[in-house]
């Protein structure tokens, strides 16, 4: 039972059980491989695939560094067995259990649907089949739903997210009101023009710039992150030498792991 003394605990991360699974299978896996395995487990479960279904699609998946497809499958199976043995669940299980409980308990589902009638989902382009399944369960046969999103900003496809639910929303809900927000108040026209050229879904309305004209962005190609970081550091040093205040310069990067190379390059230029 979910509510009894033996209710499972939500694990803090997948790392501990994955490490134990590797030991059980007598595998020596580095941290990067374990992280890739954790991401692959998330993709499988958010895509609502059983281990058997996942095995049938292994040929479609990119290989995980340092481990064969067969060992990948064995690791995932061992991971699920260890969770069960340790009376633990991961976050994907929480969504699965919530959906399953509501469908198995009509009175609980009726209570939720009565108490929560209207739903708003932000970043709808990044919803997964598992999350959509829970949302469908909450909604039942109603259509009291508002979603907000941009198919060109899907960034969680690696965890099973898809923009298809957003793109096909008006097909599923023909009476829905579609509001297109195409005016951009953040960036100058040069950046907006570049964004319109590289966006993945060209069927949507083009973005329109509201701000005045500014500096055009440069597109540069580097062989590796070290070469890129060195160029950035040298360019910053050049700008400062030319009179630009350091407080007027910023380096933007997507993920924290990119900072190490940048920090090293800035240090070499005495720009810490």
Protein backbone atom coordinates (compact mmCIF):
# COMPACT_ATOMS: atom_id res chain seq x y z
CA UNK A 1 0.00 0.00 0.00
CA UNK A 2 1.13 3.55 -0.63
CA UNK A 3 -0.10 4.85 2.70
CA UNK A 4 0.87 2.10 5.11
CA UNK A 5 3.96 1.60 7.23
CA UNK A 6 5.75 -0.03 4.29
CA UNK A 7 5.15 2.86 1.89
CA UNK A 8 8.12 3.32 -0.47
CA UNK A 9 10.48 6.26 -0.09
CA UNK A 10 11.42 8.57 -2.94
CA UNK A 11 15.14 8.19 -3.61
CA UNK A 12 17.25 11.36 -3.73
CA UNK A 13 18.89 10.36 -7.01
CA UNK A 14 19.44 7.33 -9.21
CA UNK A 15 23.19 7.26 -8.56
CA UNK A 16 23.22 5.03 -5.47
CA UNK A 17 21.07 2.26 -6.93
CA UNK A 18 22.85 2.46 -10.29
CA UNK A 19 26.23 2.10 -8.54
CA UNK A 20 24.88 -0.89 -6.62
CA UNK A 21 23.51 -2.38 -9.85
CA UNK A 22 26.95 -2.06 -11.48
CA UNK A 23 28.54 -3.85 -8.52
CA UNK A 24 25.94 -6.61 -8.72
CA UNK A 25 26.76 -7.12 -12.40
CA UNK A 26 30.52 -6.80 -11.72
CA UNK A 27 30.83 -3.77 -13.98
CA UNK A 28 33.23 -0.86 -13.51
CA UNK A 29 31.43 2.22 -14.79
CA UNK A 30 32.70 5.80 -14.55
CA UNK A 31 30.46 8.67 -13.34
CA UNK A 32 29.73 9.86 -16.90
CA UNK A 33 28.36 6.45 -17.88
CA UNK A 34 26.21 6.34 -14.75
CA UNK A 35 24.83 9.80 -15.58
CA UNK A 36 24.02 8.69 -19.13
CA UNK A 37 22.27 5.60 -17.75
CA UNK A 38 20.22 7.73 -15.38
CA UNK A 39 19.17 9.97 -18.29
CA UNK A 40 18.28 6.93 -20.39
CA UNK A 41 16.11 5.54 -17.58
CA UNK A 42 14.31 8.88 -17.37
CA UNK A 43 13.73 8.85 -21.15
CA UNK A 44 12.34 5.31 -21.05
CA UNK A 45 9.99 5.96 -18.16
CA UNK A 46 8.81 9.39 -19.33
CA UNK A 47 8.15 7.73 -22.71
CA UNK A 48 6.01 5.13 -20.87
CA UNK A 49 8.04 2.16 -22.11
CA UNK A 50 8.36 -1.06 -20.15
CA UNK A 51 11.73 -2.77 -20.17
CA UNK A 52 10.40 -5.20 -22.77
CA UNK A 53 9.19 -2.36 -25.01
CA UNK A 54 12.45 -0.48 -24.48
CA UNK A 55 14.43 -3.57 -25.53
CA UNK A 56 12.56 -3.56 -28.83
CA UNK A 57 13.64 0.03 -29.47
CA UNK A 58 17.26 -0.25 -28.37
CA UNK A 59 18.38 -0.07 -31.99
CA UNK A 60 16.93 3.44 -32.24
CA UNK A 61 18.75 4.77 -29.20
CA UNK A 62 22.22 6.32 -29.18
CA UNK A 63 24.77 4.04 -27.49
CA UNK A 64 25.78 4.84 -23.93
CA UNK A 65 29.50 5.53 -23.49
CA UNK A 66 31.46 2.62 -22.11
CA UNK A 67 28.67 0.03 -22.04
CA UNK A 68 27.04 -2.30 -24.56
CA UNK A 69 23.32 -2.27 -25.36
CA UNK A 70 22.91 -5.62 -23.57
CA UNK A 71 24.65 -4.38 -20.40
CA UNK A 72 22.59 -1.19 -20.55
CA UNK A 73 19.44 -3.31 -20.45
CA UNK A 74 20.81 -5.48 -17.63
CA UNK A 75 21.71 -2.36 -15.64
CA UNK A 76 18.21 -0.93 -16.01
CA UNK A 77 16.62 -4.22 -14.98
CA UNK A 78 18.94 -4.50 -11.95
CA UNK A 79 18.20 -0.86 -11.05
CA UNK A 80 14.45 -1.52 -10.98
CA UNK A 81 14.94 -4.68 -8.89
CA UNK A 82 17.10 -2.84 -6.36
CA UNK A 83 14.51 -0.08 -6.02
CA UNK A 84 11.85 -2.67 -5.29
CA UNK A 85 14.10 -4.48 -2.80
CA UNK A 86 14.96 -1.22 -1.02
CA UNK A 87 11.31 -0.08 -1.05
CA UNK A 88 12.18 3.02 -3.05
CA UNK A 89 10.67 4.88 -5.99
CA UNK A 90 12.11 7.49 -8.32
CA UNK A 91 10.35 10.64 -9.54
CA UNK A 92 8.99 8.95 -12.65
CA UNK A 93 7.47 6.25 -10.43
CA UNK A 94 5.72 8.94 -8.41
CA UNK A 95 3.88 10.14 -11.51
CA UNK A 96 3.10 6.56 -12.56
CA UNK A 97 1.78 5.68 -9.11
CA UNK A 98 -0.29 8.86 -8.89
CA UNK A 99 -1.92 8.14 -12.26
CA UNK A 100 -2.46 4.48 -11.41
CA UNK A 101 -3.96 5.27 -8.01
CA UNK A 102 -6.43 7.77 -9.47
CA UNK A 103 -7.55 5.33 -12.15
CA UNK A 104 -7.87 2.50 -9.63
CA UNK A 105 -9.83 4.61 -7.14
CA UNK A 106 -12.83 6.28 -8.86
CA UNK A 107 -13.82 8.16 -5.70
CA UNK A 108 -10.36 9.70 -5.36
CA UNK A 109 -10.40 10.66 -9.04
CA UNK A 110 -13.87 12.18 -8.73
CA UNK A 111 -12.68 14.22 -5.73
CA UNK A 112 -9.66 15.56 -7.65
CA UNK A 113 -11.73 16.41 -10.71
CA UNK A 114 -14.33 18.17 -8.58
CA UNK A 115 -11.80 20.15 -6.54
CA UNK A 116 -9.50 21.08 -9.42
CA UNK A 117 -11.45 21.98 -12.51
CA UNK A 118 -9.27 24.42 -14.45
CA UNK A 119 -5.69 23.60 -15.41
CA UNK A 120 -2.91 25.76 -16.82
CA UNK A 121 0.31 24.17 -18.09
CA UNK A 122 3.32 26.36 -18.83
CA UNK A 123 6.25 25.26 -21.05
CA UNK A 124 3.86 22.79 -22.70
CA UNK A 125 6.36 22.10 -25.49
CA UNK A 126 8.38 20.09 -22.95
CA UNK A 127 5.67 17.74 -21.71
CA UNK A 128 6.31 13.99 -21.89
CA UNK A 129 3.86 11.15 -22.64
CA UNK A 130 3.93 10.23 -18.93
CA UNK A 131 3.06 13.76 -17.83
CA UNK A 132 0.39 14.05 -20.52
CA UNK A 133 -1.14 10.79 -19.28
CA UNK A 134 -1.45 12.22 -15.77
CA UNK A 135 -2.94 15.45 -17.15
CA UNK A 136 -5.48 13.46 -19.19
CA UNK A 137 -6.44 11.56 -16.04
CA UNK A 138 -6.98 14.80 -14.13
CA UNK A 139 -9.07 16.27 -16.94
CA UNK A 140 -11.27 13.29 -17.67
CA UNK A 141 -13.80 14.20 -20.36
CA UNK A 142 -13.49 17.96 -19.74
CA UNK A 143 -11.61 20.54 -21.78
CA UNK A 144 -10.97 23.20 -19.13
CA UNK A 145 -7.33 23.52 -20.05
CA UNK A 146 -4.98 26.38 -20.94
CA UNK A 147 -1.48 25.66 -22.22
CA UNK A 148 1.42 27.98 -22.98
CA UNK A 149 4.49 27.07 -24.98
CA UNK A 150 6.72 27.45 -28.01
CA UNK A 151 7.63 24.40 -30.16
CA UNK A 152 10.92 26.10 -31.06
CA UNK A 153 12.01 25.98 -27.42
CA UNK A 154 11.76 22.24 -26.78
CA UNK A 155 14.88 21.39 -24.76
CA UNK A 156 13.91 18.24 -22.85
CA UNK A 157 13.50 15.78 -25.71
CA UNK A 158 16.36 13.81 -24.14
CA UNK A 159 13.96 12.94 -21.30
CA UNK A 160 11.11 11.99 -23.62
CA UNK A 161 9.48 15.43 -23.96
CA UNK A 162 7.84 16.27 -27.27
CA UNK A 163 6.28 19.40 -28.74
CA UNK A 164 3.69 17.26 -30.58
CA UNK A 165 1.09 17.75 -27.84
CA UNK A 166 1.38 21.53 -28.22
CA UNK A 167 1.48 21.49 -32.03
CA UNK A 168 -1.59 19.23 -32.22
CA UNK A 169 -3.52 20.94 -29.42
CA UNK A 170 -6.15 22.56 -31.64
CA UNK A 171 -6.70 19.24 -33.44
CA UNK A 172 -7.50 17.59 -30.13
CA UNK A 173 -9.49 20.57 -28.85
CA UNK A 174 -11.11 22.12 -31.97
CA UNK A 175 -12.94 24.76 -29.91
CA UNK A 176 -9.71 26.06 -28.34
CA UNK A 177 -8.79 29.71 -28.76
CA UNK A 178 -5.29 30.10 -30.19
CA UNK A 179 -3.37 33.23 -29.21
CA UNK A 180 -0.09 33.82 -31.04
CA UNK A 181 2.42 35.99 -29.18
CA UNK A 182 4.97 36.94 -31.83
CA UNK A 183 6.19 40.34 -30.63
CA UNK A 184 9.58 40.09 -28.92
CA UNK A 185 10.41 42.81 -26.40
CA UNK A 186 13.76 41.37 -25.25
CA UNK A 187 16.15 41.31 -28.20
CA UNK A 188 17.15 43.66 -30.99
CA UNK A 189 16.03 43.09 -34.62
CA UNK A 190 19.38 41.56 -35.63
CA UNK A 191 19.06 38.78 -33.05
CA UNK A 192 15.40 38.22 -33.91
CA UNK A 193 16.26 37.92 -37.59
CA UNK A 194 18.83 35.22 -36.77
CA UNK A 195 16.34 33.42 -34.51
CA UNK A 196 13.75 33.34 -37.31
CA UNK A 197 16.31 31.74 -39.64
CA UNK A 198 17.32 28.91 -37.29
CA UNK A 199 14.00 28.07 -35.61
CA UNK A 200 12.90 24.49 -36.09
CA UNK A 201 9.20 25.08 -36.82
CA UNK A 202 8.86 27.41 -39.79
CA UNK A 203 5.06 27.01 -39.87
CA UNK A 204 4.64 29.36 -36.90
CA UNK A 205 4.40 33.13 -37.20
CA UNK A 206 7.81 34.81 -37.44
CA UNK A 207 8.96 36.75 -34.39
CA UNK A 208 8.70 40.51 -34.66
CA UNK A 209 11.26 42.76 -32.95
CA UNK A 210 10.01 45.73 -30.95
CA UNK A 211 13.33 47.13 -29.68
CA UNK A 212 15.51 49.44 -31.82
CA UNK A 213 18.34 48.16 -33.99
CA UNK A 214 21.58 47.05 -32.31
CA UNK A 215 24.79 45.10 -32.86
CA UNK A 216 24.50 42.09 -35.14
CA UNK A 217 25.48 38.74 -33.57
CA UNK A 218 28.57 36.90 -34.83
CA UNK A 219 28.49 33.18 -35.55
CA UNK A 220 31.86 31.53 -34.96
CA UNK A 221 32.93 27.89 -35.18
CA UNK A 222 35.50 26.28 -32.85
CA UNK A 223 37.05 22.82 -32.77
CA UNK A 224 36.51 22.36 -29.01
CA UNK A 225 35.47 24.13 -25.82
CA UNK A 226 39.05 25.10 -24.94
CA UNK A 227 39.55 26.88 -28.25
CA UNK A 228 36.20 28.63 -27.78
CA UNK A 229 37.03 29.71 -24.22
CA UNK A 230 40.44 31.05 -25.28
CA UNK A 231 38.83 33.17 -27.99
CA UNK A 232 36.29 34.57 -25.54
CA UNK A 233 38.99 35.46 -22.99
CA UNK A 234 41.20 37.16 -25.60
CA UNK A 235 38.23 39.10 -26.97
CA UNK A 236 37.33 40.31 -23.48
CA UNK A 237 40.94 41.42 -22.92
CA UNK A 238 40.89 43.26 -26.26
CA UNK A 239 37.66 45.06 -25.39
CA UNK A 240 38.95 46.13 -21.98
CA UNK A 241 42.23 47.37 -23.52
CA UNK A 242 40.15 49.38 -26.00
CA UNK A 243 38.33 51.14 -23.16
CA UNK A 244 35.24 48.99 -22.51
CA UNK A 245 34.49 48.70 -18.80
CA UNK A 246 34.62 45.13 -17.44
CA UNK A 247 31.22 45.69 -15.83
CA UNK A 248 29.74 46.06 -19.34
CA UNK A 249 30.91 42.60 -20.44
CA UNK A 250 29.14 39.33 -19.70
CA UNK A 251 29.67 35.73 -20.80
CA UNK A 252 26.50 33.66 -21.08
CA UNK A 253 26.62 29.87 -21.16
CA UNK A 254 23.95 27.18 -21.15
CA UNK A 255 25.08 24.72 -18.47
CA UNK A 256 27.41 24.95 -15.46
CA UNK A 257 29.90 22.44 -16.88
CA UNK A 258 30.86 25.02 -19.53
CA UNK A 259 32.25 27.41 -16.91
CA UNK A 260 35.43 25.45 -16.15
CA UNK A 261 37.09 26.05 -19.52
CA UNK A 262 36.01 29.70 -19.49
CA UNK A 263 37.38 30.28 -16.00
CA UNK A 264 40.71 28.69 -16.96
CA UNK A 265 41.00 30.83 -20.09
CA UNK A 266 40.13 34.03 -18.21
CA UNK A 267 42.76 33.14 -15.60
CA UNK A 268 45.42 32.77 -18.31
CA UNK A 269 44.56 36.28 -19.48
CA UNK A 270 44.65 37.58 -15.88
CA UNK A 271 40.94 38.36 -16.04
CA UNK A 272 39.65 36.44 -12.99
